[in-house]
């Protein structure tokens, strides 16, 4: 058995993730990770424009206007959104203007329509405006040469709107790696099927698919294979042909006869390069490289599979997909009960955080890796180092949270 760090070092001697990029139109880029900084080539808005319907004026021509003392201006034209002013505004003139229309030369403010009354060519202004009032200035939203989106950003609807506003039609994004997912075990049934005696539902297939997607990759669930060499080989071969990486859970422990690593190891050089992690859960894990592509053999128990995926596989998928690494919160608190471990292997223990009075305590969840609820009920996990055999009750430990800190 090797440590997790040694396993990664061995893998990286035989395979390195090489991110690829592709160009997509904006309407297909939602949720994708940007591969380059994008800079605006234009000002947004590209001209001074009216914020409201009303009259474009020289602000000084309205000074002193009030309900009892309106200022009278001469109406000399109209401007609608999408048109361009053809004349310069002179003193004591105004132009009727629609929201979004460009401000005519010589004007510097807009009197809102509800603050003026037009009669023929005369407009009475009943409220004074200051220079720049009710006007959106050129470049006030986005300046030319301003960075609109940073490389590594997962694109949101707001991002796509901003990119469209500066005229960008296509973006270069990281290519989403495809990940083949296989569940091994003759006792497994697909969720939704009738459960026959002696069978259990496959948890790893759906759970790993969600985990893969969260890393910015595309899961390709190839289904369940019995613990028979021809069936395993056929699905792994299919995964290697169509995907960038293969995940297979189950069939790698000594009790199962190591059938999956034996089959995968014979499919191409260098084959299996790691078999066995010095940690709990995760001991049966294996790593192979076949035809230049990695195959990760995860334990069959759901908790083990998901925690090993998080520690071993997720980082490589994020690197391939360009997905930002989540900022995992860490909480330091007192352990509520003793945790025993075996010297010589690292142990990951799911825990929940519980408030007792004003104190936050860390409660170990010791149901075993075969119980999926030991993960679903957990707020995070603690690590017992290789050199420790126990962490005593009352010790301060670091909890690596799965998500937000519970309230």
Protein backbone atom coordinates (compact mmCIF):
# COMPACT_ATOMS: atom_id res chain seq x y z
CA UNK A 1 0.00 0.00 0.00
CA UNK A 2 1.07 3.57 -0.68
CA UNK A 3 -0.01 6.93 0.66
CA UNK A 4 -2.32 9.15 -1.31
CA UNK A 5 0.58 11.48 -2.12
CA UNK A 6 2.72 8.57 -3.37
CA UNK A 7 -0.16 7.33 -5.50
CA UNK A 8 -0.48 10.73 -7.19
CA UNK A 9 3.27 10.92 -7.79
CA UNK A 10 3.24 7.49 -9.43
CA UNK A 11 0.27 8.41 -11.62
CA UNK A 12 1.83 11.66 -12.75
CA UNK A 13 4.94 9.80 -13.93
CA UNK A 14 2.70 7.91 -16.35
CA UNK A 15 -0.04 10.44 -17.15
CA UNK A 16 -0.57 14.16 -16.82
CA UNK A 17 -3.87 16.02 -17.34
CA UNK A 18 -3.66 18.18 -20.45
CA UNK A 19 -6.55 20.65 -20.59
CA UNK A 20 -8.01 21.39 -24.04
CA UNK A 21 -10.06 24.35 -25.19
CA UNK A 22 -12.84 24.91 -27.70
CA UNK A 23 -14.87 27.85 -29.00
CA UNK A 24 -18.61 28.06 -28.33
CA UNK A 25 -21.31 30.60 -29.21
CA UNK A 26 -22.66 32.49 -26.22
CA UNK A 27 -25.97 30.63 -26.22
CA UNK A 28 -24.15 27.35 -25.57
CA UNK A 29 -21.60 28.61 -23.04
CA UNK A 30 -23.68 28.76 -19.85
CA UNK A 31 -21.87 26.99 -17.02
CA UNK A 32 -18.68 26.47 -19.03
CA UNK A 33 -15.29 27.61 -17.75
CA UNK A 34 -13.65 30.48 -19.60
CA UNK A 35 -10.17 29.71 -20.96
CA UNK A 36 -8.98 33.30 -21.51
CA UNK A 37 -9.48 36.83 -20.22
CA UNK A 38 -12.03 38.78 -22.27
CA UNK A 39 -11.59 42.51 -22.75
CA UNK A 40 -14.18 44.91 -24.15
CA UNK A 41 -13.40 46.60 -27.46
CA UNK A 42 -16.17 49.15 -26.98
CA UNK A 43 -17.63 51.46 -24.37
CA UNK A 44 -20.97 50.41 -22.86
CA UNK A 45 -23.08 52.34 -23.51
CA UNK A 46 -21.23 53.52 -26.64
CA UNK A 47 -22.71 57.05 -26.36
CA UNK A 48 -24.40 59.32 -23.84
CA UNK A 49 -28.08 58.30 -23.77
CA UNK A 50 -31.35 59.23 -22.14
CA UNK A 51 -32.27 57.32 -19.00
CA UNK A 52 -35.98 58.26 -19.25
CA UNK A 53 -38.51 59.50 -21.79
CA UNK A 54 -38.58 63.29 -21.84
CA UNK A 55 -36.79 66.24 -23.39
CA UNK A 56 -33.08 66.68 -24.05
CA UNK A 57 -32.06 70.13 -22.84
CA UNK A 58 -29.26 72.39 -21.76
CA UNK A 59 -29.49 72.17 -17.98
CA UNK A 60 -28.81 75.90 -17.59
CA UNK A 61 -31.98 76.67 -19.59
CA UNK A 62 -34.09 75.02 -16.84
CA UNK A 63 -32.55 76.74 -13.82
CA UNK A 64 -35.20 78.45 -11.72
CA UNK A 65 -38.06 76.39 -13.17
CA UNK A 66 -40.86 75.53 -10.74
CA UNK A 67 -44.58 74.81 -10.58
CA UNK A 68 -45.37 78.52 -10.55
CA UNK A 69 -42.53 79.66 -12.80
CA UNK A 70 -42.01 77.26 -15.72
CA UNK A 71 -39.23 77.79 -18.25
CA UNK A 72 -40.41 77.79 -21.87
CA UNK A 73 -38.29 76.03 -24.50
CA UNK A 74 -38.70 75.56 -28.26
CA UNK A 75 -39.24 71.99 -29.48
CA UNK A 76 -37.00 71.34 -32.51
CA UNK A 77 -37.27 67.60 -33.10
CA UNK A 78 -37.61 64.04 -31.85
CA UNK A 79 -35.10 61.24 -31.13
CA UNK A 80 -35.94 57.54 -30.75
CA UNK A 81 -33.75 54.65 -29.68
CA UNK A 82 -31.79 53.40 -32.67
CA UNK A 83 -31.65 56.80 -34.41
CA UNK A 84 -28.82 59.35 -34.43
CA UNK A 85 -29.17 63.13 -33.82
CA UNK A 86 -28.67 65.26 -36.92
CA UNK A 87 -28.45 68.73 -35.39
CA UNK A 88 -26.86 70.48 -32.44
CA UNK A 89 -29.09 71.81 -29.69
CA UNK A 90 -28.99 75.57 -29.25
CA UNK A 91 -29.85 77.76 -26.28
CA UNK A 92 -33.50 77.58 -25.12
CA UNK A 93 -34.20 74.62 -27.43
CA UNK A 94 -35.19 71.08 -26.58
CA UNK A 95 -35.64 67.76 -28.39
CA UNK A 96 -38.20 65.12 -27.44
CA UNK A 97 -36.20 61.99 -26.57
CA UNK A 98 -37.03 58.36 -25.81
CA UNK A 99 -35.35 56.14 -23.22
CA UNK A 100 -32.07 54.80 -24.64
CA UNK A 101 -31.81 57.34 -27.46
CA UNK A 102 -28.46 59.15 -27.94
CA UNK A 103 -28.15 62.63 -26.51
CA UNK A 104 -27.87 65.37 -29.18
CA UNK A 105 -24.78 67.56 -29.26
CA UNK A 106 -25.22 70.64 -27.11
CA UNK A 107 -27.53 68.93 -24.59
CA UNK A 108 -26.41 67.70 -21.16
CA UNK A 109 -29.59 66.66 -19.29
CA UNK A 110 -33.07 65.24 -19.74
CA UNK A 111 -36.26 66.68 -18.30
CA UNK A 112 -38.58 63.76 -17.56
CA UNK A 113 -41.83 63.83 -19.54
CA UNK A 114 -43.91 64.17 -16.37
CA UNK A 115 -42.13 67.41 -15.50
CA UNK A 116 -42.99 69.22 -18.74
CA UNK A 117 -46.02 70.06 -20.88
CA UNK A 118 -45.80 70.44 -24.67
CA UNK A 119 -48.15 72.64 -26.66
CA UNK A 120 -47.28 72.68 -30.32
CA UNK A 121 -43.67 73.81 -30.66
CA UNK A 122 -43.48 75.10 -27.10
CA UNK A 123 -42.52 73.02 -24.05
CA UNK A 124 -43.05 74.35 -20.52
CA UNK A 125 -40.56 72.88 -18.02
CA UNK A 126 -41.79 72.77 -14.41
CA UNK A 127 -38.71 71.27 -12.75
CA UNK A 128 -35.07 72.26 -13.13
CA UNK A 129 -32.42 69.60 -13.89
CA UNK A 130 -28.70 69.55 -13.19
CA UNK A 131 -26.02 68.77 -15.78
CA UNK A 132 -25.90 65.00 -16.35
CA UNK A 133 -29.30 64.39 -14.72
CA UNK A 134 -31.28 61.52 -16.28
CA UNK A 135 -28.39 60.78 -18.64
CA UNK A 136 -26.34 57.57 -18.77
CA UNK A 137 -22.81 58.56 -19.76
CA UNK A 138 -20.77 56.79 -22.39
CA UNK A 139 -18.70 53.95 -20.86
CA UNK A 140 -20.36 54.31 -17.45
CA UNK A 141 -21.16 50.57 -17.42
CA UNK A 142 -18.10 49.11 -19.17
CA UNK A 143 -15.07 50.97 -20.43
CA UNK A 144 -13.19 50.11 -23.60
CA UNK A 145 -10.19 47.87 -22.77
CA UNK A 146 -11.84 46.86 -19.46
CA UNK A 147 -11.71 43.17 -18.57
CA UNK A 148 -15.23 41.80 -18.70
CA UNK A 149 -14.55 38.20 -17.60
CA UNK A 150 -11.49 36.48 -16.17
CA UNK A 151 -10.04 33.13 -17.32
CA UNK A 152 -11.16 30.33 -15.01
CA UNK A 153 -14.61 31.89 -14.43
CA UNK A 154 -17.60 29.56 -14.68
CA UNK A 155 -19.90 31.55 -16.94
CA UNK A 156 -23.25 32.66 -15.49
CA UNK A 157 -26.26 34.29 -17.13
CA UNK A 158 -24.97 37.67 -15.95
CA UNK A 159 -21.56 36.99 -17.53
CA UNK A 160 -23.14 36.05 -20.85
CA UNK A 161 -25.22 39.23 -20.76
CA UNK A 162 -22.13 41.36 -20.18
CA UNK A 163 -20.26 39.61 -23.01
CA UNK A 164 -23.17 40.12 -25.37
CA UNK A 165 -23.26 43.81 -24.38
CA UNK A 166 -19.68 44.30 -25.60
CA UNK A 167 -20.35 42.45 -28.86
CA UNK A 168 -18.63 39.14 -28.14
CA UNK A 169 -20.38 36.33 -30.01
CA UNK A 170 -18.09 33.39 -29.22
CA UNK A 171 -15.94 32.46 -26.23
CA UNK A 172 -13.05 30.08 -25.78
CA UNK A 173 -13.80 27.67 -22.96
CA UNK A 174 -12.19 24.59 -21.49
CA UNK A 175 -13.24 21.34 -23.11
CA UNK A 176 -15.41 19.25 -20.80
CA UNK A 177 -13.64 15.91 -20.27
CA UNK A 178 -15.84 12.85 -20.59
CA UNK A 179 -15.68 10.40 -17.71
CA UNK A 180 -16.87 6.81 -18.13
CA UNK A 181 -18.52 5.47 -14.96
CA UNK A 182 -18.91 1.74 -14.38
CA UNK A 183 -20.34 -0.06 -11.36
CA UNK A 184 -19.05 -3.60 -10.80
CA UNK A 185 -20.97 -6.23 -8.85
CA UNK A 186 -23.43 -9.01 -9.57
CA UNK A 187 -25.52 -7.93 -6.60
CA UNK A 188 -26.26 -4.46 -8.00
CA UNK A 189 -29.59 -3.30 -9.41
CA UNK A 190 -30.32 -0.05 -11.19
CA UNK A 191 -32.39 2.42 -9.11
CA UNK A 192 -36.02 2.15 -10.19
CA UNK A 193 -35.81 -1.55 -11.00
CA UNK A 194 -37.48 -4.25 -8.94
CA UNK A 195 -35.11 -5.39 -6.20
CA UNK A 196 -34.73 -9.17 -6.27
CA UNK A 197 -33.62 -11.17 -3.19
CA UNK A 198 -29.92 -10.73 -2.47
CA UNK A 199 -29.68 -7.52 -4.54
CA UNK A 200 -28.94 -3.93 -3.53
CA UNK A 201 -29.37 -0.72 -5.49
CA UNK A 202 -26.36 0.82 -7.19
CA UNK A 203 -25.45 4.00 -5.31
CA UNK A 204 -22.04 4.66 -6.84
CA UNK A 205 -23.18 5.09 -10.45
CA UNK A 206 -25.58 7.99 -9.80
CA UNK A 207 -23.49 9.47 -6.97
CA UNK A 208 -20.25 9.50 -8.95
CA UNK A 209 -22.09 10.98 -11.96
CA UNK A 210 -23.14 13.94 -9.85
CA UNK A 211 -19.64 14.27 -8.37
CA UNK A 212 -18.08 14.25 -11.85
CA UNK A 213 -20.47 16.92 -13.08
CA UNK A 214 -19.65 19.11 -10.07
CA UNK A 215 -16.01 19.06 -11.23
CA UNK A 216 -16.94 20.50 -14.64
CA UNK A 217 -16.73 17.17 -16.47
CA UNK A 218 -19.34 15.18 -18.40
CA UNK A 219 -20.34 11.85 -16.81
CA UNK A 220 -21.03 8.94 -19.13
CA UNK A 221 -22.67 6.20 -17.07
CA UNK A 222 -22.00 2.88 -18.80
CA UNK A 223 -24.01 0.84 -16.32
CA UNK A 224 -23.49 -2.22 -14.14
CA UNK A 225 -21.21 -5.12 -14.97
CA UNK A 226 -21.16 -8.51 -13.21
CA UNK A 227 -17.84 -9.65 -11.72
CA UNK A 228 -16.87 -11.50 -14.88
CA UNK A 229 -13.78 -10.68 -16.90
CA UNK A 230 -15.36 -10.50 -20.42
CA UNK A 231 -18.14 -8.16 -19.24
CA UNK A 232 -15.71 -5.93 -17.32
CA UNK A 233 -13.30 -5.78 -20.23
CA UNK A 234 -16.06 -4.86 -22.69
CA UNK A 235 -17.27 -1.89 -20.64
CA UNK A 236 -13.76 -0.64 -19.81
CA UNK A 237 -12.82 -0.87 -23.49
CA UNK A 238 -15.95 1.11 -24.38
CA UNK A 239 -15.05 3.74 -21.78
CA UNK A 240 -11.46 4.06 -23.00
CA UNK A 241 -12.64 4.47 -26.58
CA UNK A 242 -15.24 7.18 -25.96
CA UNK A 243 -14.00 9.01 -22.84
CA UNK A 244 -10.93 10.73 -21.41
CA UNK A 245 -10.95 8.88 -18.10
CA UNK A 246 -12.60 5.77 -16.62
CA UNK A 247 -14.02 5.29 -13.12
CA UNK A 248 -14.99 1.81 -12.00
CA UNK A 249 -16.19 1.02 -8.49
CA UNK A 250 -16.16 -2.38 -6.79
CA UNK A 251 -14.36 -5.63 -7.54
CA UNK A 252 -10.93 -4.43 -6.41
CA UNK A 253 -10.66 -5.84 -2.87
CA UNK A 254 -8.98 -9.09 -1.93
CA UNK A 255 -12.33 -10.67 -1.11
CA UNK A 256 -13.51 -10.15 -4.68
CA UNK A 257 -10.40 -11.82 -6.06
CA UNK A 258 -9.04 -8.53 -7.38
CA UNK A 259 -10.93 -9.28 -10.60
CA UNK A 260 -11.25 -5.68 -11.84
CA UNK A 261 -7.57 -4.68 -11.46
CA UNK A 262 -6.53 -8.02 -13.00
CA UNK A 263 -8.71 -7.41 -16.04
CA UNK A 264 -7.72 -3.76 -16.44
CA UNK A 265 -4.04 -4.56 -15.90
CA UNK A 266 -4.09 -6.87 -18.90
CA UNK A 267 -5.62 -4.35 -21.30
CA UNK A 268 -2.50 -2.36 -22.08
CA UNK A 269 0.78 -1.03 -20.69
CA UNK A 270 1.76 0.15 -18.15
CA UNK A 271 -1.50 -1.24 -16.70
CA UNK A 272 -2.02 -1.13 -12.94
CA UNK A 273 0.54 1.19 -11.34
CA UNK A 274 -0.99 1.50 -7.85
CA UNK A 275 -3.10 -1.02 -5.91
CA UNK A 276 -3.89 -0.19 -2.32
CA UNK A 277 -3.98 3.09 -0.42
CA UNK A 278 -2.68 3.35 3.12
CA UNK A 279 -5.88 4.96 4.30
CA UNK A 280 -9.34 4.15 5.55
CA UNK A 281 -11.68 4.29 3.75
CA UNK A 282 -10.02 3.59 0.41
CA UNK A 283 -7.65 0.66 0.94
CA UNK A 284 -8.75 -1.33 -2.19
CA UNK A 285 -8.26 1.64 -4.55
CA UNK A 286 -6.19 1.04 -7.69
CA UNK A 287 -4.91 3.25 -10.49
CA UNK A 288 -4.08 2.07 -13.99
CA UNK A 289 -2.99 3.76 -17.20
CA UNK A 290 -4.18 2.01 -20.37
CA UNK A 291 -3.53 3.37 -23.85
CA UNK A 292 -2.58 6.73 -22.41
CA UNK A 293 -5.75 7.11 -20.34
CA UNK A 294 -6.17 6.73 -16.58
CA UNK A 295 -8.49 4.17 -15.01
CA UNK A 296 -9.38 4.73 -11.36
CA UNK A 297 -10.66 1.70 -9.47
CA UNK A 298 -12.67 2.92 -6.49
CA UNK A 299 -13.93 0.86 -3.55
CA UNK A 300 -17.43 -0.57 -3.77
CA UNK A 301 -18.78 0.95 -0.56
CA UNK A 302 -20.38 4.31 -1.40
CA UNK A 303 -18.72 6.29 1.40
CA UNK A 304 -15.31 4.93 0.44
CA UNK A 305 -15.89 5.54 -3.27
CA UNK A 306 -17.04 9.13 -2.83
CA UNK A 307 -14.33 10.12 -0.36
CA UNK A 308 -11.56 8.58 -2.49
CA UNK A 309 -13.02 10.31 -5.54
CA UNK A 310 -12.91 13.62 -3.66
CA UNK A 311 -9.29 13.15 -2.61
CA UNK A 312 -7.81 11.41 -5.64
CA UNK A 313 -9.83 12.06 -8.79
CA UNK A 314 -11.64 15.38 -8.37
CA UNK A 315 -8.50 17.53 -8.59
CA UNK A 316 -7.49 16.05 -11.95
CA UNK A 317 -10.98 16.58 -13.37
CA UNK A 318 -10.98 20.22 -12.26
CA UNK A 319 -7.60 20.71 -13.90
CA UNK A 320 -8.85 19.16 -17.15
CA UNK A 321 -12.09 21.14 -17.16
CA UNK A 322 -10.58 24.37 -15.85
CA UNK A 323 -13.16 24.37 -13.04
CA UNK A 324 -12.21 26.53 -10.06
CA UNK A 325 -11.20 24.61 -6.97
CA UNK A 326 -13.81 25.06 -4.25
CA UNK A 327 -12.72 26.99 -1.19
CA UNK A 328 -13.43 24.30 1.38
CA UNK A 329 -14.09 25.68 4.82
CA UNK A 330 -12.25 24.31 7.83
CA UNK A 331 -13.65 24.44 11.36
CA UNK A 332 -11.58 23.85 14.49
CA UNK A 333 -13.56 22.39 17.37
CA UNK A 334 -13.41 19.91 20.24
CA UNK A 335 -13.86 16.18 19.58
CA UNK A 336 -16.87 14.77 21.44
CA UNK A 337 -15.72 11.13 21.51
CA UNK A 338 -12.48 9.16 21.14
CA UNK A 339 -11.55 8.02 17.62
CA UNK A 340 -9.42 4.87 17.24
CA UNK A 341 -7.35 4.12 14.15
CA UNK A 342 -4.60 1.77 12.96
CA UNK A 343 -1.03 3.01 12.90
CA UNK A 344 0.45 3.12 9.40
CA UNK A 345 -2.60 4.33 7.54
CA UNK A 346 -4.46 7.59 7.38
CA UNK A 347 -8.11 7.44 8.38
CA UNK A 348 -10.86 9.77 7.21
CA UNK A 349 -13.70 9.90 9.69
CA UNK A 350 -17.06 11.48 8.76
CA UNK A 351 -18.27 13.83 11.49
CA UNK A 352 -21.15 16.12 12.29
CA UNK A 353 -20.99 19.42 14.15
CA UNK A 354 -23.30 19.71 17.15
CA UNK A 355 -23.98 22.65 19.46
CA UNK A 356 -24.12 21.95 23.18
CA UNK A 357 -24.92 25.18 24.90
CA UNK A 358 -22.46 27.73 23.55
CA UNK A 359 -19.89 25.12 22.53
CA UNK A 360 -19.55 23.44 19.14
CA UNK A 361 -18.49 19.78 19.33
CA UNK A 362 -17.31 17.36 16.66
CA UNK A 363 -19.24 14.08 16.76
CA UNK A 364 -17.72 11.11 14.86
CA UNK A 365 -20.13 9.10 12.71
CA UNK A 366 -18.94 5.53 13.15
CA UNK A 367 -21.42 3.54 11.07
CA UNK A 368 -18.74 2.18 8.74
CA UNK A 369 -18.07 2.78 5.05
CA UNK A 370 -20.91 0.48 4.05
CA UNK A 371 -23.53 2.91 5.35
CA UNK A 372 -24.35 5.70 2.91
CA UNK A 373 -25.98 7.65 5.75
CA UNK A 374 -22.57 8.04 7.37
CA UNK A 375 -21.82 10.46 4.52
CA UNK A 376 -25.26 12.02 4.04
CA UNK A 377 -25.49 12.81 7.78
CA UNK A 378 -21.97 14.27 7.90
CA UNK A 379 -20.99 17.94 7.81
CA UNK A 380 -17.41 17.03 6.93
CA UNK A 381 -14.55 14.77 7.97
CA UNK A 382 -11.42 14.72 10.09
CA UNK A 383 -8.12 13.06 9.26
CA UNK A 384 -6.29 10.73 11.62
CA UNK A 385 -2.61 10.90 10.50
CA UNK A 386 -0.53 7.85 9.64
CA UNK A 387 1.43 8.02 12.87
CA UNK A 388 -1.58 8.29 15.20
CA UNK A 389 -3.59 5.40 16.67
CA UNK A 390 -6.20 7.53 18.36
CA UNK A 391 -7.47 11.03 18.85
CA UNK A 392 -8.80 11.43 22.35
CA UNK A 393 -12.03 13.00 23.45
CA UNK A 394 -11.61 16.71 24.06
CA UNK A 395 -8.79 17.23 21.54
CA UNK A 396 -9.12 20.13 19.12
CA UNK A 397 -9.46 18.80 15.58
CA UNK A 398 -9.80 20.33 12.11
CA UNK A 399 -13.03 19.48 10.29
CA UNK A 400 -12.93 19.79 6.50
CA UNK A 401 -16.49 20.74 5.62
CA UNK A 402 -18.30 19.29 2.62
CA UNK A 403 -20.24 22.53 2.15
CA UNK A 404 -21.31 25.56 4.11
CA UNK A 405 -20.80 25.66 7.85
CA UNK A 406 -24.08 24.54 9.46
CA UNK A 407 -25.97 27.13 11.50
